[in-house]
């Protein structure tokens, strides 16, 4: 199996577990370096507002829920997405980008329900608070 690494990555499928990917260190390092460079390049290009607007339209393909965000929120999403992608690429770990996207997706859910129109009716907590599970009642 190790000899197959000369042809590319090897994926090991496990019963009852997540698949594992074996790759050569040099290949993985180059991949991380290139993803990082692309993230930095895209981030630098998008400093122009017109480009940011077009990027927001392009991001609707992988993230169709962007449609529910208003203009300022879309712009903020693009900025947050790019800043987080650049930071993640610089350390070679992308978990935080997944969290950022999930948070924005939940914001889009709130927008889709019209909650952004009722901001004056919302109370923001300075810190997180535990609440009872409403299904337990």
N, C-alpha and C. Protein backbone atom coordinates (compact mmCIF):
# COMPACT_ATOMS: atom_id res chain seq x y z
N UNK A 1 0.81 -1.19 0.00
CA UNK A 1 0.00 0.00 0.00
C UNK A 1 0.87 1.26 0.00
N UNK A 2 1.95 1.25 0.78
CA UNK A 2 2.84 2.41 0.85
C UNK A 2 3.44 2.72 -0.51
N UNK A 3 3.73 1.67 -1.30
CA UNK A 3 4.32 1.89 -2.61
C UNK A 3 3.38 2.63 -3.55
N UNK A 4 2.09 2.64 -3.27
CA UNK A 4 1.11 3.36 -4.10
C UNK A 4 1.20 4.88 -3.90
N UNK A 5 1.87 5.32 -2.85
CA UNK A 5 1.99 6.75 -2.59
C UNK A 5 2.76 7.48 -3.69
N UNK A 6 3.55 6.75 -4.47
CA UNK A 6 4.24 7.38 -5.60
C UNK A 6 3.24 7.84 -6.65
N UNK A 7 2.05 7.24 -6.67
CA UNK A 7 1.01 7.60 -7.63
C UNK A 7 0.08 8.69 -7.09
N UNK A 8 0.13 8.97 -5.80
CA UNK A 8 -0.75 9.98 -5.20
C UNK A 8 -1.21 9.51 -3.83
N UNK A 9 -2.12 10.27 -3.24
CA UNK A 9 -2.64 9.93 -1.92
C UNK A 9 -3.36 8.60 -1.94
N UNK A 10 -3.35 7.93 -0.80
CA UNK A 10 -4.06 6.66 -0.63
C UNK A 10 -5.11 6.87 0.45
N UNK A 11 -6.36 6.49 0.15
CA UNK A 11 -7.44 6.62 1.12
C UNK A 11 -7.77 5.23 1.67
N UNK A 12 -7.72 5.12 2.99
CA UNK A 12 -8.05 3.86 3.66
C UNK A 12 -9.46 3.97 4.21
N UNK A 13 -10.33 3.13 3.73
CA UNK A 13 -11.71 3.11 4.22
C UNK A 13 -11.79 2.16 5.40
N UNK A 14 -12.36 2.64 6.50
CA UNK A 14 -12.44 1.81 7.70
C UNK A 14 -13.90 1.53 8.03
N UNK A 15 -14.17 0.30 8.43
CA UNK A 15 -15.48 -0.07 8.91
C UNK A 15 -15.68 0.56 10.29
N UNK A 16 -16.77 1.31 10.46
CA UNK A 16 -17.05 1.88 11.77
C UNK A 16 -16.16 3.06 12.13
N UNK A 17 -15.45 3.61 11.18
CA UNK A 17 -14.59 4.76 11.47
C UNK A 17 -14.43 5.64 10.25
N UNK A 18 -13.94 6.82 10.49
CA UNK A 18 -13.72 7.77 9.40
C UNK A 18 -12.57 7.28 8.53
N UNK A 19 -12.67 7.52 7.23
CA UNK A 19 -11.61 7.13 6.30
C UNK A 19 -10.34 7.90 6.63
N UNK A 20 -9.21 7.30 6.35
CA UNK A 20 -7.91 7.91 6.58
C UNK A 20 -7.23 8.17 5.25
N UNK A 21 -6.50 9.28 5.18
CA UNK A 21 -5.76 9.62 3.96
C UNK A 21 -4.28 9.57 4.27
N UNK A 22 -3.53 8.82 3.47
CA UNK A 22 -2.07 8.77 3.58
C UNK A 22 -1.49 9.58 2.42
N UNK A 23 -0.58 10.45 2.75
CA UNK A 23 0.07 11.22 1.69
C UNK A 23 1.51 11.50 2.08
N UNK A 24 2.31 11.81 1.09
CA UNK A 24 3.70 12.17 1.35
C UNK A 24 3.72 13.55 1.99
N UNK A 25 4.60 13.76 2.94
CA UNK A 25 4.70 15.03 3.66
C UNK A 25 4.95 16.19 2.71
N UNK A 26 5.84 16.00 1.76
CA UNK A 26 6.16 17.08 0.82
C UNK A 26 4.92 17.50 0.04
N UNK A 27 4.16 16.53 -0.40
CA UNK A 27 2.94 16.81 -1.17
C UNK A 27 1.92 17.58 -0.31
N UNK A 28 1.73 17.12 0.91
CA UNK A 28 0.78 17.79 1.81
C UNK A 28 1.25 19.20 2.14
N UNK A 29 2.54 19.38 2.38
CA UNK A 29 3.08 20.71 2.69
C UNK A 29 2.91 21.66 1.52
N UNK A 30 3.17 21.18 0.32
CA UNK A 30 2.99 22.01 -0.87
C UNK A 30 1.53 22.40 -1.05
N UNK A 31 0.65 21.45 -0.79
CA UNK A 31 -0.78 21.73 -0.91
C UNK A 31 -1.19 22.82 0.08
N UNK A 32 -0.77 22.71 1.32
CA UNK A 32 -1.09 23.72 2.34
C UNK A 32 -0.50 25.08 1.96
N UNK A 33 0.71 25.07 1.44
CA UNK A 33 1.36 26.31 1.04
C UNK A 33 0.60 26.98 -0.10
N UNK A 34 0.15 26.20 -1.07
CA UNK A 34 -0.57 26.78 -2.20
C UNK A 34 -1.96 27.28 -1.80
N UNK A 35 -2.64 26.54 -0.95
CA UNK A 35 -3.94 27.00 -0.45
C UNK A 35 -3.76 28.30 0.31
N UNK A 36 -2.72 28.37 1.11
CA UNK A 36 -2.43 29.59 1.85
C UNK A 36 -2.16 30.76 0.92
N UNK A 37 -1.36 30.53 -0.10
CA UNK A 37 -1.05 31.59 -1.06
C UNK A 37 -2.30 32.05 -1.80
N UNK A 38 -3.15 31.10 -2.19
CA UNK A 38 -4.39 31.48 -2.87
C UNK A 38 -5.30 32.28 -1.95
N UNK A 39 -5.41 31.88 -0.70
CA UNK A 39 -6.25 32.61 0.26
C UNK A 39 -5.72 34.03 0.43
N UNK A 40 -4.40 34.19 0.53
CA UNK A 40 -3.81 35.52 0.67
C UNK A 40 -4.06 36.36 -0.58
N UNK A 41 -3.90 35.76 -1.74
CA UNK A 41 -4.11 36.47 -3.00
C UNK A 41 -5.56 36.93 -3.13
N UNK A 42 -6.48 36.03 -2.89
CA UNK A 42 -7.91 36.38 -2.99
C UNK A 42 -8.25 37.48 -1.98
N UNK A 43 -7.73 37.35 -0.77
CA UNK A 43 -7.98 38.37 0.23
C UNK A 43 -7.47 39.73 -0.20
N UNK A 44 -6.31 39.78 -0.81
CA UNK A 44 -5.75 41.05 -1.26
C UNK A 44 -6.56 41.64 -2.41
N UNK A 45 -7.02 40.81 -3.31
CA UNK A 45 -7.80 41.27 -4.46
C UNK A 45 -9.14 41.85 -4.02
N UNK A 46 -9.73 41.27 -3.01
CA UNK A 46 -11.09 41.62 -2.62
C UNK A 46 -11.16 42.90 -1.79
N UNK A 47 -10.05 43.56 -1.57
CA UNK A 47 -10.10 44.82 -0.84
C UNK A 47 -10.96 45.84 -1.59
N UNK A 48 -11.12 45.69 -2.87
CA UNK A 48 -11.97 46.55 -3.68
C UNK A 48 -13.43 46.16 -3.45
N UNK A 49 -14.30 47.14 -3.13
CA UNK A 49 -15.70 46.84 -2.83
C UNK A 49 -16.45 46.21 -3.99
N UNK A 50 -16.14 46.65 -5.22
CA UNK A 50 -16.82 46.07 -6.39
C UNK A 50 -16.48 44.60 -6.51
N UNK A 51 -15.23 44.27 -6.27
CA UNK A 51 -14.80 42.87 -6.34
C UNK A 51 -15.47 42.08 -5.22
N UNK A 52 -15.58 42.68 -4.04
CA UNK A 52 -16.23 42.01 -2.90
C UNK A 52 -17.67 41.70 -3.23
N UNK A 53 -18.35 42.63 -3.92
CA UNK A 53 -19.74 42.38 -4.31
C UNK A 53 -19.86 41.23 -5.28
N UNK A 54 -18.95 41.17 -6.23
CA UNK A 54 -18.96 40.05 -7.19
C UNK A 54 -18.62 38.74 -6.49
N UNK A 55 -17.71 38.80 -5.54
CA UNK A 55 -17.36 37.59 -4.81
C UNK A 55 -18.56 37.09 -4.00
N UNK A 56 -19.33 38.01 -3.43
CA UNK A 56 -20.54 37.62 -2.69
C UNK A 56 -21.48 36.87 -3.62
N UNK A 57 -21.62 37.33 -4.86
CA UNK A 57 -22.46 36.63 -5.84
C UNK A 57 -21.89 35.25 -6.14
N UNK A 58 -20.59 35.16 -6.29
CA UNK A 58 -19.94 33.88 -6.59
C UNK A 58 -20.09 32.92 -5.42
N UNK A 59 -20.02 33.43 -4.19
CA UNK A 59 -20.14 32.57 -3.01
C UNK A 59 -21.55 32.02 -2.84
N UNK A 60 -22.52 32.57 -3.58
CA UNK A 60 -23.88 32.04 -3.50
C UNK A 60 -23.97 30.63 -4.06
N UNK A 61 -23.02 30.27 -4.91
CA UNK A 61 -23.03 28.90 -5.45
C UNK A 61 -22.80 27.87 -4.35
N UNK A 62 -21.69 27.97 -3.59
CA UNK A 62 -21.51 26.98 -2.52
C UNK A 62 -22.35 27.27 -1.27
N UNK A 63 -22.75 28.54 -1.10
CA UNK A 63 -23.51 28.94 0.08
C UNK A 63 -24.80 29.65 -0.33
N UNK A 64 -25.79 28.92 -0.85
CA UNK A 64 -27.01 29.57 -1.36
C UNK A 64 -27.78 30.35 -0.31
N UNK A 65 -27.57 30.08 0.96
CA UNK A 65 -28.26 30.79 2.03
C UNK A 65 -27.86 32.25 2.11
N UNK A 66 -26.80 32.67 1.42
CA UNK A 66 -26.39 34.08 1.40
C UNK A 66 -27.54 34.95 0.90
N UNK A 67 -28.40 34.37 0.08
CA UNK A 67 -29.54 35.11 -0.47
C UNK A 67 -30.39 35.76 0.62
N UNK A 68 -30.46 35.15 1.79
CA UNK A 68 -31.29 35.69 2.87
C UNK A 68 -30.65 36.89 3.57
N UNK A 69 -29.35 37.09 3.42
CA UNK A 69 -28.67 38.21 4.08
C UNK A 69 -28.91 39.50 3.31
N UNK A 70 -29.02 40.62 4.03
CA UNK A 70 -29.14 41.90 3.34
C UNK A 70 -27.75 42.33 2.85
N UNK A 71 -27.69 43.41 2.09
CA UNK A 71 -26.44 43.87 1.49
C UNK A 71 -25.29 44.05 2.47
N UNK A 72 -25.50 44.81 3.57
CA UNK A 72 -24.40 44.98 4.53
C UNK A 72 -23.95 43.65 5.16
N UNK A 73 -24.89 42.77 5.44
CA UNK A 73 -24.53 41.48 6.05
C UNK A 73 -23.75 40.63 5.05
N UNK A 74 -24.13 40.68 3.77
CA UNK A 74 -23.38 39.93 2.76
C UNK A 74 -21.94 40.42 2.68
N UNK A 75 -21.79 41.74 2.68
CA UNK A 75 -20.44 42.32 2.64
C UNK A 75 -19.64 41.90 3.86
N UNK A 76 -20.27 41.92 5.02
CA UNK A 76 -19.58 41.50 6.23
C UNK A 76 -19.21 40.02 6.18
N UNK A 77 -20.13 39.19 5.65
CA UNK A 77 -19.83 37.76 5.51
C UNK A 77 -18.60 37.56 4.64
N UNK A 78 -18.55 38.24 3.49
CA UNK A 78 -17.41 38.09 2.59
C UNK A 78 -16.11 38.47 3.31
N UNK A 79 -16.14 39.60 4.01
CA UNK A 79 -14.95 40.03 4.74
C UNK A 79 -14.54 39.04 5.81
N UNK A 80 -15.52 38.59 6.60
CA UNK A 80 -15.22 37.62 7.66
C UNK A 80 -14.71 36.31 7.08
N UNK A 81 -15.34 35.86 6.00
CA UNK A 81 -14.94 34.61 5.35
C UNK A 81 -13.49 34.71 4.88
N UNK A 82 -13.15 35.80 4.20
CA UNK A 82 -11.80 35.94 3.66
C UNK A 82 -10.75 36.11 4.75
N UNK A 83 -11.05 36.93 5.76
CA UNK A 83 -10.09 37.10 6.86
C UNK A 83 -9.83 35.77 7.56
N UNK A 84 -10.91 35.03 7.80
CA UNK A 84 -10.76 33.74 8.49
C UNK A 84 -10.04 32.74 7.60
N UNK A 85 -10.36 32.72 6.30
CA UNK A 85 -9.69 31.80 5.37
C UNK A 85 -8.20 32.11 5.31
N UNK A 86 -7.85 33.38 5.28
CA UNK A 86 -6.43 33.76 5.23
C UNK A 86 -5.72 33.33 6.51
N UNK A 87 -6.36 33.57 7.63
CA UNK A 87 -5.75 33.19 8.91
C UNK A 87 -5.59 31.67 9.00
N UNK A 88 -6.63 30.95 8.61
CA UNK A 88 -6.57 29.49 8.65
C UNK A 88 -5.47 28.96 7.73
N UNK A 89 -5.39 29.54 6.54
CA UNK A 89 -4.37 29.10 5.59
C UNK A 89 -2.98 29.36 6.14
N UNK A 90 -2.83 30.44 6.90
CA UNK A 90 -1.50 30.76 7.42
C UNK A 90 -1.02 29.76 8.47
N UNK A 91 -1.96 29.07 9.11
CA UNK A 91 -1.57 28.06 10.11
C UNK A 91 -1.83 26.64 9.63
N UNK A 92 -2.43 26.51 8.42
CA UNK A 92 -2.66 25.18 7.86
C UNK A 92 -3.77 24.40 8.54
N UNK A 93 -4.67 25.08 9.21
CA UNK A 93 -5.82 24.44 9.88
C UNK A 93 -7.07 25.21 9.51
N UNK A 94 -8.14 24.51 9.10
CA UNK A 94 -9.32 25.18 8.58
C UNK A 94 -10.58 24.96 9.40
N UNK A 95 -10.44 24.42 10.61
CA UNK A 95 -11.61 24.19 11.44
C UNK A 95 -12.35 25.49 11.74
N UNK A 96 -11.60 26.55 12.02
CA UNK A 96 -12.22 27.83 12.37
C UNK A 96 -13.03 28.40 11.21
N UNK A 97 -12.62 28.14 9.99
CA UNK A 97 -13.38 28.60 8.83
C UNK A 97 -14.73 27.89 8.78
N UNK A 98 -14.75 26.61 9.10
CA UNK A 98 -16.02 25.88 9.16
C UNK A 98 -16.95 26.45 10.21
N UNK A 99 -16.39 26.85 11.34
CA UNK A 99 -17.20 27.47 12.40
C UNK A 99 -17.75 28.81 11.93
N UNK A 100 -16.91 29.60 11.27
CA UNK A 100 -17.34 30.91 10.76
C UNK A 100 -18.50 30.76 9.78
N UNK A 101 -18.37 29.81 8.87
CA UNK A 101 -19.44 29.58 7.88
C UNK A 101 -20.71 29.10 8.57
N UNK A 102 -20.59 28.21 9.53
CA UNK A 102 -21.76 27.72 10.26
C UNK A 102 -22.45 28.85 11.01
N UNK A 103 -21.68 29.75 11.61
CA UNK A 103 -22.27 30.89 12.31
C UNK A 103 -23.03 31.80 11.35
N UNK A 104 -22.45 32.06 10.20
CA UNK A 104 -23.12 32.91 9.22
C UNK A 104 -24.37 32.21 8.65
N UNK A 105 -24.31 30.90 8.50
CA UNK A 105 -25.48 30.16 8.02
C UNK A 105 -26.63 30.32 9.02
N UNK A 106 -26.32 30.26 10.31
CA UNK A 106 -27.35 30.46 11.33
C UNK A 106 -27.88 31.89 11.30
N UNK A 107 -27.01 32.85 11.00
CA UNK A 107 -27.46 34.23 10.84
C UNK A 107 -28.43 34.33 9.67
N UNK A 108 -28.12 33.63 8.58
CA UNK A 108 -29.02 33.63 7.42
C UNK A 108 -30.37 33.01 7.78
N UNK A 109 -30.36 31.99 8.63
CA UNK A 109 -31.63 31.40 9.10
C UNK A 109 -32.44 32.46 9.82
N UNK A 110 -31.80 33.23 10.70
CA UNK A 110 -32.49 34.29 11.43
C UNK A 110 -33.06 35.32 10.47
N UNK A 111 -32.29 35.69 9.45
CA UNK A 111 -32.77 36.63 8.44
C UNK A 111 -33.96 36.04 7.69
N UNK A 112 -33.89 34.75 7.38
CA UNK A 112 -34.98 34.13 6.61
C UNK A 112 -36.29 34.13 7.41
N UNK A 113 -36.17 34.16 8.73
CA UNK A 113 -37.36 34.19 9.59
C UNK A 113 -37.82 35.61 9.88
N UNK A 114 -37.10 36.59 9.34
CA UNK A 114 -37.47 37.98 9.54
C UNK A 114 -37.01 38.56 10.87
N UNK A 115 -36.14 37.87 11.57
CA UNK A 115 -35.71 38.35 12.88
C UNK A 115 -34.87 39.62 12.80
N UNK A 116 -34.19 39.85 11.67
CA UNK A 116 -33.37 41.06 11.55
C UNK A 116 -34.23 42.32 11.51
N UNK A 117 -35.50 42.18 11.13
CA UNK A 117 -36.41 43.32 11.12
C UNK A 117 -36.91 43.68 12.51
N UNK A 118 -36.69 42.79 13.47
CA UNK A 118 -37.18 43.02 14.82
C UNK A 118 -36.04 43.21 15.81
N UNK A 119 -34.95 43.83 15.36
CA UNK A 119 -33.78 44.02 16.21
C UNK A 119 -34.11 44.78 17.49
N UNK A 120 -35.04 45.72 17.40
CA UNK A 120 -35.39 46.51 18.58
C UNK A 120 -36.08 45.65 19.64
N UNK A 121 -36.54 44.46 19.25
CA UNK A 121 -37.20 43.57 20.20
C UNK A 121 -36.25 42.53 20.78
N UNK A 122 -34.99 42.58 20.37
CA UNK A 122 -34.02 41.59 20.82
C UNK A 122 -33.21 42.13 21.99
N UNK A 123 -32.93 41.28 22.94
CA UNK A 123 -32.04 41.61 24.04
C UNK A 123 -30.76 40.82 23.87
N UNK A 124 -29.64 41.52 23.83
CA UNK A 124 -28.36 40.85 23.67
C UNK A 124 -27.74 40.65 25.04
N UNK A 125 -27.27 39.47 25.28
CA UNK A 125 -26.63 39.14 26.54
C UNK A 125 -25.14 39.45 26.45
N UNK A 126 -24.56 40.05 27.49
CA UNK A 126 -23.13 40.35 27.44
C UNK A 126 -22.28 39.08 27.46
N UNK A 127 -22.83 38.01 28.01
CA UNK A 127 -22.14 36.73 28.07
C UNK A 127 -23.14 35.63 27.74
N UNK A 128 -22.62 34.50 27.29
CA UNK A 128 -23.50 33.36 27.02
C UNK A 128 -24.16 32.89 28.30
N UNK A 129 -25.34 32.35 28.14
CA UNK A 129 -26.08 31.85 29.31
C UNK A 129 -26.68 30.49 28.97
N UNK A 130 -26.72 29.61 29.95
CA UNK A 130 -27.35 28.32 29.74
C UNK A 130 -28.86 28.46 29.89
N UNK A 131 -29.58 27.78 29.03
CA UNK A 131 -31.03 27.78 29.10
C UNK A 131 -31.50 26.33 29.08
N UNK A 132 -32.69 26.13 29.59
CA UNK A 132 -33.25 24.79 29.60
C UNK A 132 -33.61 24.37 28.18
N UNK A 133 -33.51 23.10 27.93
CA UNK A 133 -33.92 22.55 26.65
C UNK A 133 -35.44 22.64 26.58
N UNK A 134 -36.00 23.36 25.62
CA UNK A 134 -37.46 23.51 25.57
C UNK A 134 -38.19 22.20 25.32
N UNK A 135 -37.49 21.21 24.79
CA UNK A 135 -38.13 19.92 24.55
C UNK A 135 -38.32 19.14 25.85
N UNK A 136 -37.61 19.54 26.90
CA UNK A 136 -37.69 18.83 28.18
C UNK A 136 -38.93 19.25 28.98
N UNK A 137 -39.57 20.33 28.58
CA UNK A 137 -40.74 20.83 29.33
C UNK A 137 -41.97 20.00 29.07
